[in-house]
N, C-alpha and C. Protein backbone atom coordinates (compact mmCIF):
# COMPACT_ATOMS: atom_id res chain seq x y z
N MET A 1 44.46 13.87 -5.30
CA MET A 1 44.34 12.85 -4.29
C MET A 1 42.91 12.76 -3.77
N GLU A 2 42.23 13.92 -3.68
CA GLU A 2 40.87 13.91 -3.17
C GLU A 2 39.93 13.19 -4.11
N SER A 3 40.14 13.35 -5.42
CA SER A 3 39.24 12.69 -6.38
C SER A 3 39.41 11.18 -6.32
N PHE A 4 40.62 10.71 -6.02
CA PHE A 4 40.83 9.26 -5.90
C PHE A 4 40.07 8.70 -4.70
N SER A 5 40.07 9.42 -3.58
CA SER A 5 39.34 8.95 -2.40
C SER A 5 37.83 9.04 -2.64
N ASP A 6 37.38 10.03 -3.42
CA ASP A 6 35.96 10.12 -3.77
C ASP A 6 35.55 8.92 -4.62
N ILE A 7 36.38 8.55 -5.56
CA ILE A 7 36.09 7.40 -6.42
C ILE A 7 36.07 6.12 -5.59
N GLN A 8 37.00 6.00 -4.66
CA GLN A 8 37.01 4.83 -3.78
C GLN A 8 35.74 4.77 -2.93
N THR A 9 35.30 5.89 -2.45
CA THR A 9 34.08 5.93 -1.64
C THR A 9 32.87 5.51 -2.46
N ILE A 10 32.76 6.03 -3.66
CA ILE A 10 31.64 5.68 -4.54
C ILE A 10 31.67 4.21 -4.89
N LEU A 11 32.84 3.69 -5.24
CA LEU A 11 32.94 2.26 -5.57
C LEU A 11 32.63 1.39 -4.35
N GLY A 12 33.05 1.82 -3.18
CA GLY A 12 32.73 1.08 -1.96
C GLY A 12 31.24 1.04 -1.69
N LEU A 13 30.58 2.17 -1.88
CA LEU A 13 29.13 2.21 -1.69
C LEU A 13 28.39 1.34 -2.70
N LEU A 14 28.84 1.37 -3.95
CA LEU A 14 28.22 0.52 -4.97
C LEU A 14 28.43 -0.96 -4.65
N ALA A 15 29.62 -1.32 -4.19
CA ALA A 15 29.87 -2.70 -3.81
C ALA A 15 29.02 -3.11 -2.62
N PHE A 16 28.86 -2.22 -1.65
CA PHE A 16 28.02 -2.50 -0.49
C PHE A 16 26.57 -2.72 -0.89
N ILE A 17 26.05 -1.87 -1.78
CA ILE A 17 24.67 -2.02 -2.26
C ILE A 17 24.50 -3.33 -3.01
N ALA A 18 25.49 -3.68 -3.85
CA ALA A 18 25.41 -4.93 -4.61
C ALA A 18 25.41 -6.14 -3.67
N ILE A 19 26.26 -6.12 -2.67
CA ILE A 19 26.33 -7.24 -1.72
C ILE A 19 25.03 -7.35 -0.94
N CYS A 20 24.49 -6.23 -0.49
CA CYS A 20 23.21 -6.26 0.25
C CYS A 20 22.07 -6.78 -0.63
N SER A 21 22.07 -6.39 -1.90
CA SER A 21 21.03 -6.87 -2.81
C SER A 21 21.12 -8.38 -3.00
N VAL A 22 22.33 -8.89 -3.18
CA VAL A 22 22.51 -10.34 -3.36
C VAL A 22 22.09 -11.08 -2.11
N LEU A 23 22.48 -10.58 -0.94
CA LEU A 23 22.10 -11.24 0.30
C LEU A 23 20.60 -11.21 0.52
N LYS A 24 19.94 -10.13 0.16
CA LYS A 24 18.50 -10.04 0.33
C LYS A 24 17.79 -11.01 -0.60
N ILE A 25 18.26 -11.13 -1.84
CA ILE A 25 17.64 -12.05 -2.79
C ILE A 25 17.83 -13.49 -2.34
N THR A 26 19.02 -13.86 -1.89
CA THR A 26 19.26 -15.24 -1.46
C THR A 26 18.51 -15.56 -0.18
N SER A 27 18.37 -14.58 0.72
CA SER A 27 17.64 -14.87 1.96
C SER A 27 16.15 -15.07 1.68
N LYS A 28 15.59 -14.36 0.70
CA LYS A 28 14.18 -14.54 0.36
C LYS A 28 13.94 -15.92 -0.26
N THR A 29 14.86 -16.37 -1.11
CA THR A 29 14.65 -17.68 -1.74
C THR A 29 14.83 -18.80 -0.73
N LYS A 30 15.69 -18.63 0.26
CA LYS A 30 15.87 -19.67 1.27
C LYS A 30 14.66 -19.81 2.18
N ARG A 31 13.99 -18.70 2.44
CA ARG A 31 12.82 -18.73 3.32
C ARG A 31 11.58 -19.24 2.61
N GLY A 32 11.63 -19.38 1.31
CA GLY A 32 10.49 -19.93 0.60
C GLY A 32 9.53 -18.89 0.06
N TYR A 33 9.95 -17.61 0.02
CA TYR A 33 9.09 -16.61 -0.57
C TYR A 33 9.00 -16.85 -2.07
N THR A 34 7.83 -16.82 -2.58
CA THR A 34 7.65 -16.95 -4.02
C THR A 34 6.71 -15.85 -4.48
N LYS A 35 6.75 -15.56 -5.74
CA LYS A 35 5.86 -14.57 -6.31
C LYS A 35 4.45 -15.15 -6.31
N CYS A 36 3.47 -14.31 -6.02
CA CYS A 36 2.08 -14.75 -6.00
C CYS A 36 1.70 -15.23 -7.39
N MET A 37 1.38 -16.49 -7.49
CA MET A 37 1.03 -17.07 -8.77
C MET A 37 -0.46 -16.87 -9.02
N GLY A 38 -0.80 -16.46 -10.20
CA GLY A 38 -2.19 -16.34 -10.58
C GLY A 38 -2.81 -15.00 -10.27
N ILE A 39 -2.14 -14.15 -9.51
CA ILE A 39 -2.67 -12.82 -9.23
C ILE A 39 -2.06 -11.86 -10.25
N PRO A 40 -2.90 -11.21 -11.05
CA PRO A 40 -2.35 -10.31 -12.07
C PRO A 40 -1.69 -9.09 -11.45
N GLU A 41 -0.68 -8.59 -12.15
CA GLU A 41 0.06 -7.41 -11.70
C GLU A 41 0.41 -6.58 -12.91
N PRO A 42 0.21 -5.27 -12.87
CA PRO A 42 0.59 -4.44 -14.01
C PRO A 42 2.09 -4.51 -14.26
N SER A 43 2.46 -4.42 -15.50
CA SER A 43 3.89 -4.43 -15.82
C SER A 43 4.46 -3.02 -15.63
N GLY A 44 5.75 -2.93 -15.55
CA GLY A 44 6.41 -1.64 -15.46
C GLY A 44 6.75 -1.19 -14.06
N ALA A 45 6.93 -2.13 -13.11
CA ALA A 45 7.32 -1.74 -11.76
C ALA A 45 8.79 -1.32 -11.76
N LEU A 46 9.06 -0.17 -11.19
CA LEU A 46 10.43 0.33 -11.10
C LEU A 46 11.08 -0.21 -9.83
N PRO A 47 12.42 -0.28 -9.78
CA PRO A 47 13.10 -0.96 -8.67
C PRO A 47 12.76 -0.48 -7.27
N PHE A 48 12.78 0.80 -6.99
CA PHE A 48 12.57 1.25 -5.61
C PHE A 48 11.18 1.82 -5.36
N ILE A 49 10.53 2.32 -6.39
CA ILE A 49 9.22 2.94 -6.16
C ILE A 49 8.08 2.04 -6.59
N GLY A 50 8.37 0.96 -7.27
CA GLY A 50 7.32 0.03 -7.68
C GLY A 50 6.39 0.63 -8.70
N HIS A 51 5.09 0.57 -8.44
CA HIS A 51 4.07 1.07 -9.36
C HIS A 51 3.59 2.48 -9.01
N LEU A 52 4.31 3.19 -8.15
CA LEU A 52 3.86 4.52 -7.75
C LEU A 52 3.74 5.47 -8.93
N HIS A 53 4.59 5.31 -9.93
CA HIS A 53 4.53 6.20 -11.09
C HIS A 53 3.24 5.99 -11.89
N LEU A 54 2.61 4.82 -11.77
CA LEU A 54 1.34 4.58 -12.46
C LEU A 54 0.18 5.27 -11.75
N LEU A 55 0.32 5.54 -10.46
CA LEU A 55 -0.76 6.14 -9.69
C LEU A 55 -0.76 7.67 -9.75
N GLY A 56 0.32 8.27 -10.19
CA GLY A 56 0.38 9.72 -10.30
C GLY A 56 -0.19 10.18 -11.63
N GLY A 57 -0.43 11.44 -11.75
CA GLY A 57 -0.92 11.98 -13.01
C GLY A 57 -2.14 12.86 -12.81
N GLU A 58 -2.84 13.09 -13.90
CA GLU A 58 -4.00 13.99 -13.90
C GLU A 58 -5.20 13.39 -13.19
N MET A 59 -5.45 12.09 -13.42
CA MET A 59 -6.65 11.45 -12.85
C MET A 59 -6.45 11.17 -11.36
N PRO A 60 -7.55 11.21 -10.59
CA PRO A 60 -7.45 10.81 -9.17
C PRO A 60 -7.08 9.33 -9.05
N ILE A 61 -6.49 8.97 -7.93
CA ILE A 61 -6.03 7.60 -7.72
C ILE A 61 -7.19 6.61 -7.82
N VAL A 62 -8.38 7.03 -7.37
CA VAL A 62 -9.53 6.14 -7.40
C VAL A 62 -9.87 5.75 -8.84
N ARG A 63 -9.82 6.70 -9.73
CA ARG A 63 -10.12 6.39 -11.15
C ARG A 63 -9.02 5.55 -11.77
N THR A 64 -7.78 5.81 -11.39
CA THR A 64 -6.66 5.01 -11.91
C THR A 64 -6.80 3.56 -11.45
N LEU A 65 -7.11 3.36 -10.17
CA LEU A 65 -7.30 2.00 -9.66
C LEU A 65 -8.52 1.34 -10.30
N GLY A 66 -9.57 2.12 -10.56
CA GLY A 66 -10.75 1.59 -11.24
C GLY A 66 -10.43 1.14 -12.66
N ALA A 67 -9.62 1.92 -13.37
CA ALA A 67 -9.21 1.53 -14.72
C ALA A 67 -8.35 0.27 -14.69
N MET A 68 -7.49 0.16 -13.68
CA MET A 68 -6.69 -1.06 -13.53
C MET A 68 -7.58 -2.25 -13.21
N ALA A 69 -8.62 -2.03 -12.39
CA ALA A 69 -9.55 -3.12 -12.07
C ALA A 69 -10.30 -3.56 -13.31
N ASP A 70 -10.67 -2.63 -14.17
CA ASP A 70 -11.32 -3.01 -15.43
C ASP A 70 -10.40 -3.83 -16.30
N LYS A 71 -9.11 -3.52 -16.27
CA LYS A 71 -8.15 -4.22 -17.12
C LYS A 71 -7.71 -5.56 -16.53
N TYR A 72 -7.46 -5.62 -15.19
CA TYR A 72 -6.86 -6.81 -14.58
C TYR A 72 -7.84 -7.67 -13.80
N GLY A 73 -9.03 -7.19 -13.54
CA GLY A 73 -10.01 -8.00 -12.82
C GLY A 73 -10.33 -7.42 -11.46
N SER A 74 -11.13 -8.15 -10.69
CA SER A 74 -11.64 -7.61 -9.43
C SER A 74 -10.60 -7.58 -8.31
N PHE A 75 -9.50 -8.31 -8.45
CA PHE A 75 -8.39 -8.15 -7.52
C PHE A 75 -7.09 -8.33 -8.27
N PHE A 76 -6.10 -7.51 -7.88
CA PHE A 76 -4.80 -7.54 -8.52
C PHE A 76 -3.76 -7.06 -7.53
N SER A 77 -2.51 -7.23 -7.87
CA SER A 77 -1.41 -6.91 -6.98
C SER A 77 -0.67 -5.68 -7.50
N LEU A 78 -0.28 -4.81 -6.59
CA LEU A 78 0.56 -3.66 -6.91
C LEU A 78 1.79 -3.69 -6.01
N LYS A 79 2.88 -3.18 -6.52
CA LYS A 79 4.09 -3.05 -5.72
C LYS A 79 4.24 -1.57 -5.37
N ILE A 80 4.12 -1.26 -4.09
CA ILE A 80 4.24 0.11 -3.62
C ILE A 80 5.52 0.20 -2.80
N GLY A 81 6.51 0.86 -3.36
CA GLY A 81 7.82 0.88 -2.72
C GLY A 81 8.42 -0.51 -2.79
N LEU A 82 8.77 -1.07 -1.67
CA LEU A 82 9.32 -2.43 -1.63
C LEU A 82 8.28 -3.46 -1.19
N HIS A 83 7.05 -3.02 -0.95
CA HIS A 83 6.00 -3.91 -0.44
C HIS A 83 4.96 -4.20 -1.51
N ARG A 84 4.39 -5.39 -1.44
CA ARG A 84 3.29 -5.76 -2.34
C ARG A 84 1.97 -5.46 -1.65
N MET A 85 1.00 -5.08 -2.47
CA MET A 85 -0.31 -4.71 -1.96
C MET A 85 -1.35 -5.39 -2.82
N LEU A 86 -2.36 -5.96 -2.19
CA LEU A 86 -3.46 -6.59 -2.92
C LEU A 86 -4.61 -5.60 -2.98
N VAL A 87 -5.04 -5.28 -4.19
CA VAL A 87 -6.14 -4.34 -4.39
C VAL A 87 -7.38 -5.17 -4.73
N VAL A 88 -8.43 -5.00 -3.93
CA VAL A 88 -9.68 -5.73 -4.13
C VAL A 88 -10.75 -4.69 -4.45
N SER A 89 -11.39 -4.82 -5.60
CA SER A 89 -12.33 -3.78 -6.03
C SER A 89 -13.77 -4.27 -6.10
N SER A 90 -14.03 -5.48 -5.75
CA SER A 90 -15.38 -6.02 -5.81
C SER A 90 -15.89 -6.26 -4.39
N TRP A 91 -17.11 -5.82 -4.12
CA TRP A 91 -17.69 -5.98 -2.79
C TRP A 91 -17.80 -7.45 -2.41
N GLU A 92 -18.14 -8.29 -3.37
CA GLU A 92 -18.25 -9.73 -3.10
C GLU A 92 -16.90 -10.32 -2.72
N MET A 93 -15.85 -9.88 -3.42
CA MET A 93 -14.51 -10.38 -3.11
C MET A 93 -14.05 -9.90 -1.72
N VAL A 94 -14.42 -8.68 -1.35
CA VAL A 94 -14.07 -8.17 -0.02
C VAL A 94 -14.74 -9.03 1.04
N LYS A 95 -16.01 -9.40 0.83
CA LYS A 95 -16.69 -10.27 1.77
C LYS A 95 -15.98 -11.62 1.89
N GLU A 96 -15.52 -12.17 0.76
CA GLU A 96 -14.82 -13.46 0.78
C GLU A 96 -13.50 -13.36 1.53
N PHE A 97 -12.74 -12.27 1.32
CA PHE A 97 -11.46 -12.12 1.99
C PHE A 97 -11.61 -11.89 3.48
N LEU A 98 -12.66 -11.18 3.89
CA LEU A 98 -12.82 -10.83 5.30
C LEU A 98 -13.70 -11.82 6.07
N ALA A 99 -14.33 -12.76 5.39
CA ALA A 99 -15.22 -13.71 6.08
C ALA A 99 -14.44 -14.80 6.76
């Protein structure tokens, strides 16, 4: 009997997560959120951690971001957790964004 209630609990949690995901997706599209067009983004973002797995490893984060800047240009987008982040690696571009 206990295993049946455990299965019900797990299925209930999965259904709750699925419903919350659908509601979050539909609420974003209704508000007019769109993906940033024209800003490059590395492929391979994982669902909850985003691009964090690309920043870990042997090399320091600064060198990893520098290598990404060489590959994607002077500014690009990263997904860190559930948030998007704009990485600007050119001094001239920083002046343009902050001016």
